[in-house]
Amino acid sequence: MLFSNEQVVGFINNNFEPAWESVRPVPIVRIDFGNGTVVTRTLNGNIATSVCTRDGLVLDVLPGIYQPDAYLEQLDQFRLLARYANKAMKLGVPVAKAGAQQQAASVEKPKTPEERRAEVIKSYHETQVKALVDQGVAAKFVVNAGLSKAVIEDPIKLVLSVPPDTRNAAPVPKHVAKKDDKTPLEKPDDVAGWKTLAEDTQLNETVRRKLIHEMLAKEGLVKPEKLTKAIYKDVLHADLDDPYLGLGESLFASYPFAKEDKKH
């Protein structure tokens, strides 16, 4: 549903170099009814969307499935985050410090572009954790459009914009489906599915994103493979090293031959 959305596909293709990686084989369920009738289905998996630097380091991650409009909103934030990181690599000059008697000036060793980028990205994740803890919503990148120097300096700022009347209320992201949602829902299953997707989107943007920001603030800029297992296990609760993907207890709890089957 998400990646068949034309707006989502168009935005990704126009702003990123997309790549897909399967992190484990797709689980397949077969039910044999014993009369020659067999039903085969694949189980729905989960996804994590990462935005990386040109040298393949993770800047940020979206955990799980989103509503299309919310996903587009976050992809646009990823686009600005990449610009924010690139800008950090271009800034910074040596700082001269006067001596005690001002007889000589020492110059701090300038940070490398990579060090400056790592520093601002760490600060970005720490800011997001604080925003989610204090306000229940994440900070947003904004561009100072309309200012003459914006064309030259490309000033992207990270700001926290939360209406005062929502600060003491339960956080409900603006992209969660409302009663007047225009999405066509023709069947009861459609209604249930869309409600579940809205709930997943809210969970992603609050609880799961906080965990992601905490993880990335600690790990720094690293390759995706260093984060994959931790994200799926600790954030999405789908342990990639568990052959039953967390379903073992449900599958074997009341099954009389569970011990025998596990041996095979």
C-alpha atoms as a PDB file:
ATOM      1  CA  MET A   1       0.000   0.000   0.000  1.00  0.00           C
ATOM      2  CA  LEU A   2       2.705   2.477   1.051  1.00  0.00           C
ATOM      3  CA  PHE A   3       5.171   1.891  -1.772  1.00  0.00           C
ATOM      4  CA  SER A   4       2.455   1.582  -4.384  1.00  0.00           C
ATOM      5  CA  ASN A   5       1.380   5.149  -3.599  1.00  0.00           C
ATOM      6  CA  GLU A   6       2.363   7.326  -6.577  1.00  0.00           C
ATOM      7  CA  GLN A   7       3.152  10.377  -4.434  1.00  0.00           C
ATOM      8  CA  VAL A   8       5.424   8.370  -2.160  1.00  0.00           C
ATOM      9  CA  VAL A   9       7.220   6.712  -5.076  1.00  0.00           C
ATOM     10  CA  GLY A  10       7.622  10.026  -6.897  1.00  0.00           C
ATOM     11  CA  PHE A  11       9.010  11.831  -3.849  1.00  0.00           C
ATOM     12  CA  ILE A  12      11.520   9.063  -3.135  1.00  0.00           C
ATOM     13  CA  ASN A  13      12.731   8.899  -6.736  1.00  0.00           C
ATOM     14  CA  ASN A  14      13.043  12.684  -7.015  1.00  0.00           C
ATOM     15  CA  ASN A  15      14.898  13.260  -3.746  1.00  0.00           C
ATOM     16  CA  PHE A  16      16.831  10.102  -2.880  1.00  0.00           C
ATOM     17  CA  GLU A  17      18.785   7.233  -4.385  1.00  0.00           C
ATOM     18  CA  PRO A  18      16.477   4.408  -3.261  1.00  0.00           C
ATOM     19  CA  ALA A  19      17.761   0.959  -2.316  1.00  0.00           C
ATOM     20  CA  TRP A  20      15.905  -2.030  -0.879  1.00  0.00           C
ATOM     21  CA  GLU A  21      17.363  -4.719   1.350  1.00  0.00           C
ATOM     22  CA  SER A  22      15.603  -7.843   2.612  1.00  0.00           C
ATOM     23  CA  VAL A  23      16.865  -8.595   6.125  1.00  0.00           C
ATOM     24  CA  ARG A  24      15.452 -12.140   6.351  1.00  0.00           C
ATOM     25  CA  PRO A  25      13.433 -14.593   4.263  1.00  0.00           C
ATOM     26  CA  VAL A  26       9.698 -13.887   4.101  1.00  0.00           C
ATOM     27  CA  PRO A  27       7.758 -16.217   6.470  1.00  0.00           C
ATOM     28  CA  ILE A  28       5.334 -18.499   4.615  1.00  0.00           C
ATOM     29  CA  VAL A  29       2.369 -20.246   6.252  1.00  0.00           C
ATOM     30  CA  ARG A  30       0.828 -23.363   4.676  1.00  0.00           C
ATOM     31  CA  ILE A  31      -2.361 -24.943   5.985  1.00  0.00           C
ATOM     32  CA  ASP A  32      -3.191 -28.423   4.706  1.00  0.00           C
ATOM     33  CA  PHE A  33      -6.873 -29.207   5.297  1.00  0.00           C
ATOM     34  CA  GLY A  34      -6.273 -32.889   4.563  1.00  0.00           C
ATOM     35  CA  ASN A  35      -8.607 -33.166   1.579  1.00  0.00           C
ATOM     36  CA  GLY A  36      -6.228 -31.902  -1.051  1.00  0.00           C
ATOM     37  CA  THR A  37      -6.899 -28.267  -0.215  1.00  0.00           C
ATOM     38  CA  VAL A  38      -3.841 -26.270   0.822  1.00  0.00           C
ATOM     39  CA  VAL A  39      -3.773 -22.573   1.623  1.00  0.00           C
ATOM     40  CA  THR A  40      -0.442 -20.750   1.368  1.00  0.00           C
ATOM     41  CA  ARG A  41       0.048 -17.239   2.633  1.00  0.00           C
ATOM     42  CA  THR A  42       2.979 -14.945   3.417  1.00  0.00           C
ATOM     43  CA  LEU A  43       3.052 -13.188   6.774  1.00  0.00           C
ATOM     44  CA  ASN A  44       3.208  -9.408   6.800  1.00  0.00           C
ATOM     45  CA  GLY A  45       6.648  -8.250   7.830  1.00  0.00           C
ATOM     46  CA  ASN A  46       7.919  -4.931   9.065  1.00  0.00           C
ATOM     47  CA  ILE A  47      10.178  -2.298   7.576  1.00  0.00           C
ATOM     48  CA  ALA A  48      12.635   0.359   8.620  1.00  0.00           C
ATOM     49  CA  THR A  49      13.388   3.313   6.338  1.00  0.00           C
ATOM     50  CA  SER A  50      16.881   4.765   6.712  1.00  0.00           C
ATOM     51  CA  VAL A  51      18.322   7.917   5.207  1.00  0.00           C
ATOM     52  CA  CYS A  52      22.066   7.709   4.701  1.00  0.00           C
ATOM     53  CA  THR A  53      24.911   9.997   3.752  1.00  0.00           C
ATOM     54  CA  ARG A  54      26.701   9.626   0.445  1.00  0.00           C
ATOM     55  CA  ASP A  55      29.305   7.513   2.218  1.00  0.00           C
ATOM     56  CA  GLY A  56      26.632   5.161   3.572  1.00  0.00           C
ATOM     57  CA  LEU A  57      26.240   6.317   7.187  1.00  0.00           C
ATOM     58  CA  VAL A  58      22.802   6.416   8.808  1.00  0.00           C
ATOM     59  CA  LEU A  59      21.425   9.868   9.594  1.00  0.00           C
ATOM     60  CA  ASP A  60      17.984   8.798  10.801  1.00  0.00           C
ATOM     61  CA  VAL A  61      15.471   5.943  10.632  1.00  0.00           C
ATOM     62  CA  LEU A  62      11.688   5.663  10.318  1.00  0.00           C
ATOM     63  CA  PRO A  63      10.543   2.490  12.110  1.00  0.00           C
ATOM     64  CA  GLY A  64       7.559   0.542  10.796  1.00  0.00           C
ATOM     65  CA  ILE A  65       4.632   1.219   8.477  1.00  0.00           C
ATOM     66  CA  TYR A  66       3.156   4.709   8.092  1.00  0.00           C
ATOM     67  CA  GLN A  67       0.128   6.381   6.608  1.00  0.00           C
ATOM     68  CA  PRO A  68       1.192   7.821   3.219  1.00  0.00           C
ATOM     69  CA  ASP A  69       0.799  11.495   4.167  1.00  0.00           C
ATOM     70  CA  ALA A  70       2.728  11.043   7.410  1.00  0.00           C
ATOM     71  CA  TYR A  71       5.422   9.099   5.586  1.00  0.00           C
ATOM     72  CA  LEU A  72       5.793  11.884   3.011  1.00  0.00           C
ATOM     73  CA  GLU A  73       6.057  14.442   5.784  1.00  0.00           C
ATOM     74  CA  GLN A  74       8.884  12.514   7.413  1.00  0.00           C
ATOM     75  CA  LEU A  75      10.644  11.906   4.101  1.00  0.00           C
ATOM     76  CA  ASP A  76      10.658  15.665   3.570  1.00  0.00           C
ATOM     77  CA  GLN A  77      12.225  16.063   7.012  1.00  0.00           C
ATOM     78  CA  PHE A  78      14.850  13.501   5.966  1.00  0.00           C
ATOM     79  CA  ARG A  79      15.570  15.590   2.877  1.00  0.00           C
ATOM     80  CA  LEU A  80      16.188  18.646   5.063  1.00  0.00           C
ATOM     81  CA  LEU A  81      18.224  16.590   7.528  1.00  0.00           C
ATOM     82  CA  ALA A  82      20.581  15.538   4.729  1.00  0.00           C
ATOM     83  CA  ARG A  83      21.014  19.203   3.729  1.00  0.00           C
ATOM     84  CA  TYR A  84      21.573  20.102   7.389  1.00  0.00           C
ATOM     85  CA  ALA A  85      24.331  17.483   7.623  1.00  0.00           C
ATOM     86  CA  ASN A  86      25.956  18.600   4.382  1.00  0.00           C
ATOM     87  CA  LYS A  87      25.905  22.221   5.531  1.00  0.00           C
ATOM     88  CA  ALA A  88      27.691  21.260   8.756  1.00  0.00           C
ATOM     89  CA  MET A  89      30.567  19.794   6.746  1.00  0.00           C
ATOM     90  CA  LYS A  90      31.105  23.121   4.958  1.00  0.00           C
ATOM     91  CA  LEU A  91      31.176  25.317   8.087  1.00  0.00           C
ATOM     92  CA  GLY A  92      33.767  25.898  10.756  1.00  0.00           C
ATOM     93  CA  VAL A  93      37.008  27.903  10.937  1.00  0.00           C
ATOM     94  CA  PRO A  94      39.962  27.782  13.359  1.00  0.00           C
ATOM     95  CA  VAL A  95      39.370  29.813  16.531  1.00  0.00           C
ATOM     96  CA  ALA A  96      42.245  31.991  17.800  1.00  0.00           C
ATOM     97  CA  LYS A  97      42.722  32.228  21.562  1.00  0.00           C
ATOM     98  CA  ALA A  98      44.833  34.973  23.166  1.00  0.00           C
ATOM     99  CA  GLY A  99      47.488  33.968  25.695  1.00  0.00           C
ATOM    100  CA  ALA A 100      47.590  35.181  29.277  1.00  0.00           C
ATOM    101  CA  GLN A 101      49.743  38.175  28.371  1.00  0.00           C
ATOM    102  CA  GLN A 102      48.428  38.333  24.802  1.00  0.00           C
ATOM    103  CA  GLN A 103      51.949  37.688  23.526  1.00  0.00           C
ATOM    104  CA  ALA A 104      50.900  34.783  21.313  1.00  0.00           C
ATOM    105  CA  ALA A 105      47.741  33.260  20.008  1.00  0.00           C
ATOM    106  CA  SER A 106      47.091  29.577  19.938  1.00  0.00           C
ATOM    107  CA  VAL A 107      44.835  28.111  17.345  1.00  0.00           C
ATOM    108  CA  GLU A 108      42.509  25.245  18.117  1.00  0.00           C
ATOM    109  CA  LYS A 109      42.921  22.294  15.844  1.00  0.00           C
ATOM    110  CA  PRO A 110      40.059  22.609  13.367  1.00  0.00           C
ATOM    111  CA  LYS A 111      37.559  19.798  13.263  1.00  0.00           C
ATOM    112  CA  THR A 112      37.315  17.777  10.108  1.00  0.00           C
ATOM    113  CA  PRO A 113      34.130  18.038   8.038  1.00  0.00           C
ATOM    114  CA  GLU A 114      33.221  14.516   9.169  1.00  0.00           C
ATOM    115  CA  GLU A 115      33.670  15.460  12.829  1.00  0.00           C
ATOM    116  CA  ARG A 116      31.494  18.543  12.414  1.00  0.00           C
ATOM    117  CA  ARG A 117      28.794  16.473  10.739  1.00  0.00           C
ATOM    118  CA  ALA A 118      28.888  13.837  13.470  1.00  0.00           C
ATOM    119  CA  GLU A 119      28.636  16.549  16.126  1.00  0.00           C
ATOM    120  CA  VAL A 120      25.543  18.231  14.676  1.00  0.00           C
ATOM    121  CA  ILE A 121      23.794  14.912  14.001  1.00  0.00           C
ATOM    122  CA  LYS A 122      24.386  13.792  17.585  1.00  0.00           C
ATOM    123  CA  SER A 123      22.941  17.115  18.762  1.00  0.00           C
ATOM    124  CA  TYR A 124      19.971  16.619  16.411  1.00  0.00           C
ATOM    125  CA  HIS A 125      19.118  13.250  17.960  1.00  0.00           C
ATOM    126  CA  GLU A 126      19.544  14.557  21.502  1.00  0.00           C
ATOM    127  CA  THR A 127      17.231  17.478  20.651  1.00  0.00           C
ATOM    128  CA  GLN A 128      14.611  15.077  19.318  1.00  0.00           C
ATOM    129  CA  VAL A 129      14.741  12.901  22.426  1.00  0.00           C
ATOM    130  CA  LYS A 130      14.231  15.945  24.638  1.00  0.00           C
ATOM    131  CA  ALA A 131      11.375  17.230  22.459  1.00  0.00           C
ATOM    132  CA  LEU A 132       9.579  13.876  22.540  1.00  0.00           C
ATOM    133  CA  VAL A 133      10.015  13.580  26.323  1.00  0.00           C
ATOM    134  CA  ASP A 134       9.057  17.175  27.141  1.00  0.00           C
ATOM    135  CA  GLN A 135       6.426  17.932  24.494  1.00  0.00           C
ATOM    136  CA  GLY A 136       5.323  14.563  23.099  1.00  0.00           C
ATOM    137  CA  VAL A 137       6.144  15.626  19.517  1.00  0.00           C
ATOM    138  CA  ALA A 138       9.371  15.898  17.565  1.00  0.00           C
ATOM    139  CA  ALA A 139      11.149  19.072  16.538  1.00  0.00           C
ATOM    140  CA  LYS A 140      10.863  20.074  12.883  1.00  0.00           C
ATOM    141  CA  PHE A 141      13.295  21.458  10.349  1.00  0.00           C
ATOM    142  CA  VAL A 142      12.181  24.701   8.749  1.00  0.00           C
ATOM    143  CA  VAL A 143      13.743  26.766   5.986  1.00  0.00           C
ATOM    144  CA  ASN A 144      13.807  30.540   6.358  1.00  0.00           C
ATOM    145  CA  ALA A 145      12.205  31.142   2.994  1.00  0.00           C
ATOM    146  CA  GLY A 146      11.636  34.687   1.819  1.00  0.00           C
ATOM    147  CA  LEU A 147      14.824  36.105   3.330  1.00  0.00           C
ATOM    148  CA  SER A 148      17.414  37.426   0.896  1.00  0.00           C
ATOM    149  CA  LYS A 149      20.333  35.797   2.691  1.00  0.00           C
ATOM    150  CA  ALA A 150      18.522  32.454   2.606  1.00  0.00           C
ATOM    151  CA  VAL A 151      19.491  32.073  -1.014  1.00  0.00           C
ATOM    152  CA  ILE A 152      23.138  32.506  -0.120  1.00  0.00           C
ATOM    153  CA  GLU A 153      23.433  30.790   3.242  1.00  0.00           C
ATOM    154  CA  ASP A 154      20.652  28.225   2.896  1.00  0.00           C
ATOM    155  CA  PRO A 155      19.812  28.514   6.622  1.00  0.00           C
ATOM    156  CA  ILE A 156      18.009  25.412   7.818  1.00  0.00           C
ATOM    157  CA  LYS A 157      17.061  25.514  11.458  1.00  0.00           C
ATOM    158  CA  LEU A 158      15.777  22.875  13.838  1.00  0.00           C
ATOM    159  CA  VAL A 159      12.890  24.319  15.818  1.00  0.00           C
ATOM    160  CA  LEU A 160      10.239  22.965  18.128  1.00  0.00           C
ATOM    161  CA  SER A 161       6.813  24.217  17.174  1.00  0.00           C
ATOM    162  CA  VAL A 162       4.069  23.014  19.501  1.00  0.00           C
ATOM    163  CA  PRO A 163       0.776  24.896  19.957  1.00  0.00           C
ATOM    164  CA  PRO A 164       0.470  25.957  23.633  1.00  0.00           C
ATOM    165  CA  ASP A 165      -2.873  24.212  24.087  1.00  0.00           C
ATOM    166  CA  THR A 166      -1.349  20.808  23.204  1.00  0.00           C
ATOM    167  CA  ARG A 167       1.475  20.839  25.697  1.00  0.00           C
ATOM    168  CA  ASN A 168      -0.564  19.303  28.505  1.00  0.00           C
ATOM    169  CA  ALA A 169      -2.686  17.089  26.304  1.00  0.00           C
ATOM    170  CA  ALA A 170      -2.069  13.606  25.003  1.00  0.00           C
ATOM    171  CA  PRO A 171       0.117  13.989  21.870  1.00  0.00           C
ATOM    172  CA  VAL A 172      -1.813  13.260  18.691  1.00  0.00           C
ATOM    173  CA  PRO A 173       0.210  13.887  15.497  1.00  0.00           C
ATOM    174  CA  LYS A 174      -1.642  15.921  12.904  1.00  0.00           C
ATOM    175  CA  HIS A 175      -1.367  13.101  10.381  1.00  0.00           C
ATOM    176  CA  VAL A 176      -3.475  10.656  12.423  1.00  0.00           C
ATOM    177  CA  ALA A 177      -6.733   9.940  10.635  1.00  0.00           C
ATOM    178  CA  LYS A 178      -9.674  12.063  11.814  1.00  0.00           C
ATOM    179  CA  LYS A 179     -13.408  11.558  11.483  1.00  0.00           C
ATOM    180  CA  ASP A 180     -13.506  13.652   8.345  1.00  0.00           C
ATOM    181  CA  ASP A 181     -10.723  11.661   6.668  1.00  0.00           C
ATOM    182  CA  LYS A 182     -11.489  11.523   2.936  1.00  0.00           C
ATOM    183  CA  THR A 183      -9.804   8.154   2.416  1.00  0.00           C
ATOM    184  CA  PRO A 184     -12.303   5.814   0.683  1.00  0.00           C
ATOM    185  CA  LEU A 185     -13.147   2.947   3.011  1.00  0.00           C
ATOM    186  CA  GLU A 186     -15.630   0.617   1.378  1.00  0.00           C
ATOM    187  CA  LYS A 187     -15.446  -2.502   3.556  1.00  0.00           C
ATOM    188  CA  PRO A 188     -15.296  -3.161   7.310  1.00  0.00           C
ATOM    189  CA  ASP A 189     -11.810  -4.618   6.845  1.00  0.00           C
ATOM    190  CA  ASP A 190     -10.731  -1.366   5.189  1.00  0.00           C
ATOM    191  CA  VAL A 191     -11.912   0.650   8.188  1.00  0.00           C
ATOM    192  CA  ALA A 192     -10.134  -1.651  10.646  1.00  0.00           C
ATOM    193  CA  GLY A 193      -6.965  -1.626   8.562  1.00  0.00           C
ATOM    194  CA  TRP A 194      -6.857   2.141   8.251  1.00  0.00           C
ATOM    195  CA  LYS A 195      -7.445   2.578  11.998  1.00  0.00           C
ATOM    196  CA  THR A 196      -4.604   0.163  12.725  1.00  0.00           C
ATOM    197  CA  LEU A 197      -2.339   2.043  10.324  1.00  0.00           C
ATOM    198  CA  ALA A 198      -3.177   5.346  12.028  1.00  0.00           C
ATOM    199  CA  GLU A 199      -2.380   3.834  15.424  1.00  0.00           C
ATOM    200  CA  ASP A 200       0.903   2.408  14.109  1.00  0.00           C
ATOM    201  CA  THR A 201       1.816   5.803  12.681  1.00  0.00           C
ATOM    202  CA  GLN A 202       1.263   7.492  16.037  1.00  0.00           C
ATOM    203  CA  LEU A 203       3.256   4.775  17.828  1.00  0.00           C
ATOM    204  CA  ASN A 204       6.079   5.156  15.306  1.00  0.00           C
ATOM    205  CA  GLU A 205       6.258   8.924  15.734  1.00  0.00           C
ATOM    206  CA  THR A 206       6.312   8.855  19.524  1.00  0.00           C
ATOM    207  CA  VAL A 207       7.545   5.728  21.306  1.00  0.00           C
ATOM    208  CA  ARG A 208       9.525   4.113  18.493  1.00  0.00           C
ATOM    209  CA  ARG A 209      11.116   7.296  17.186  1.00  0.00           C
ATOM    210  CA  LYS A 210      12.304   8.176  20.686  1.00  0.00           C
ATOM    211  CA  LEU A 211      14.043   4.811  20.879  1.00  0.00           C
ATOM    212  CA  ILE A 212      15.589   5.394  17.455  1.00  0.00           C
ATOM    213  CA  HIS A 213      16.922   8.832  18.429  1.00  0.00           C
ATOM    214  CA  GLU A 214      18.372   7.458  21.675  1.00  0.00           C
ATOM    215  CA  MET A 215      20.067   4.651  19.758  1.00  0.00           C
ATOM    216  CA  LEU A 216      21.545   6.936  17.086  1.00  0.00           C
ATOM    217  CA  ALA A 217      22.699   9.545  19.607  1.00  0.00           C
ATOM    218  CA  LYS A 218      24.655   6.772  21.319  1.00  0.00           C
ATOM    219  CA  GLU A 219      25.973   4.947  18.246  1.00  0.00           C
ATOM    220  CA  GLY A 220      26.823   7.989  16.144  1.00  0.00           C
ATOM    221  CA  LEU A 221      27.141   7.824  12.371  1.00  0.00           C
ATOM    222  CA  VAL A 222      27.470   4.139  11.493  1.00  0.00           C
ATOM    223  CA  LYS A 223      26.651   1.795   8.639  1.00  0.00           C
ATOM    224  CA  PRO A 224      23.071   0.382   8.486  1.00  0.00           C
ATOM    225  CA  GLU A 225      24.195  -3.190   9.186  1.00  0.00           C
ATOM    226  CA  LYS A 226      25.389  -2.175  12.658  1.00  0.00           C
ATOM    227  CA  LEU A 227      21.875  -1.017  13.570  1.00  0.00           C
ATOM    228  CA  THR A 228      19.576  -3.443  11.755  1.00  0.00           C
ATOM    229  CA  LYS A 229      19.271  -6.203  14.356  1.00  0.00           C
ATOM    230  CA  ALA A 230      18.927  -3.764  17.256  1.00  0.00           C
ATOM    231  CA  ILE A 231      16.208  -1.775  15.476  1.00  0.00           C
ATOM    232  CA  TYR A 232      14.154  -4.861  14.648  1.00  0.00           C
ATOM    233  CA  LYS A 233      14.594  -6.432  18.085  1.00  0.00           C
ATOM    234  CA  ASP A 234      14.437  -3.454  20.451  1.00  0.00           C
ATOM    235  CA  VAL A 235      12.218  -1.041  18.498  1.00  0.00           C
ATOM    236  CA  LEU A 236      10.006  -3.176  16.234  1.00  0.00           C
ATOM    237  CA  HIS A 237      10.034  -6.239  18.540  1.00  0.00           C
ATOM    238  CA  ALA A 238      10.868  -8.615  15.690  1.00  0.00           C
ATOM    239  CA  ASP A 239      14.070 -10.420  16.649  1.00  0.00           C
ATOM    240  CA  LEU A 240      15.749 -11.383  13.376  1.00  0.00           C
ATOM    241  CA  ASP A 241      17.698 -14.127  15.182  1.00  0.00           C
ATOM    242  CA  ASP A 242      14.479 -15.744  16.456  1.00  0.00           C
ATOM    243  CA  PRO A 243      13.358 -18.349  13.888  1.00  0.00           C
ATOM    244  CA  TYR A 244       9.740 -17.869  15.025  1.00  0.00           C
ATOM    245  CA  LEU A 245       9.874 -14.040  15.071  1.00  0.00           C
ATOM    246  CA  GLY A 246       8.445 -13.880  18.577  1.00  0.00           C
ATOM    247  CA  LEU A 247       5.545 -16.235  17.794  1.00  0.00           C
ATOM    248  CA  GLY A 248       7.095 -19.279  19.443  1.00  0.00           C
ATOM    249  CA  GLU A 249       5.101 -19.007  22.677  1.00  0.00           C
ATOM    250  CA  SER A 250       1.825 -18.681  20.794  1.00  0.00           C
ATOM    251  CA  LEU A 251       2.671 -21.548  18.462  1.00  0.00           C
ATOM    252  CA  PHE A 252       3.820 -24.035  21.074  1.00  0.00           C
ATOM    253  CA  ALA A 253       2.101 -23.021  24.348  1.00  0.00           C
ATOM    254  CA  SER A 254      -0.803 -25.484  24.065  1.00  0.00           C
ATOM    255  CA  TYR A 255       0.646 -27.831  21.456  1.00  0.00           C
ATOM    256  CA  PRO A 256       1.194 -31.343  22.960  1.00  0.00           C
ATOM    257  CA  PHE A 257       4.137 -32.176  20.696  1.00  0.00           C
ATOM    258  CA  ALA A 258       5.973 -28.864  21.070  1.00  0.00           C
ATOM    259  CA  LYS A 259       9.157 -30.360  22.589  1.00  0.00           C
ATOM    260  CA  GLU A 260       9.401 -32.996  19.901  1.00  0.00           C
ATOM    261  CA  ASP A 261       8.923 -30.482  17.083  1.00  0.00           C
ATOM    262  CA  LYS A 262      11.519 -28.110  18.499  1.00  0.00           C
ATOM    263  CA  LYS A 263      14.114 -30.882  18.339  1.00  0.00           C
ATOM    264  CA  HIS A 264      13.669 -30.991  14.571  1.00  0.00           C
END
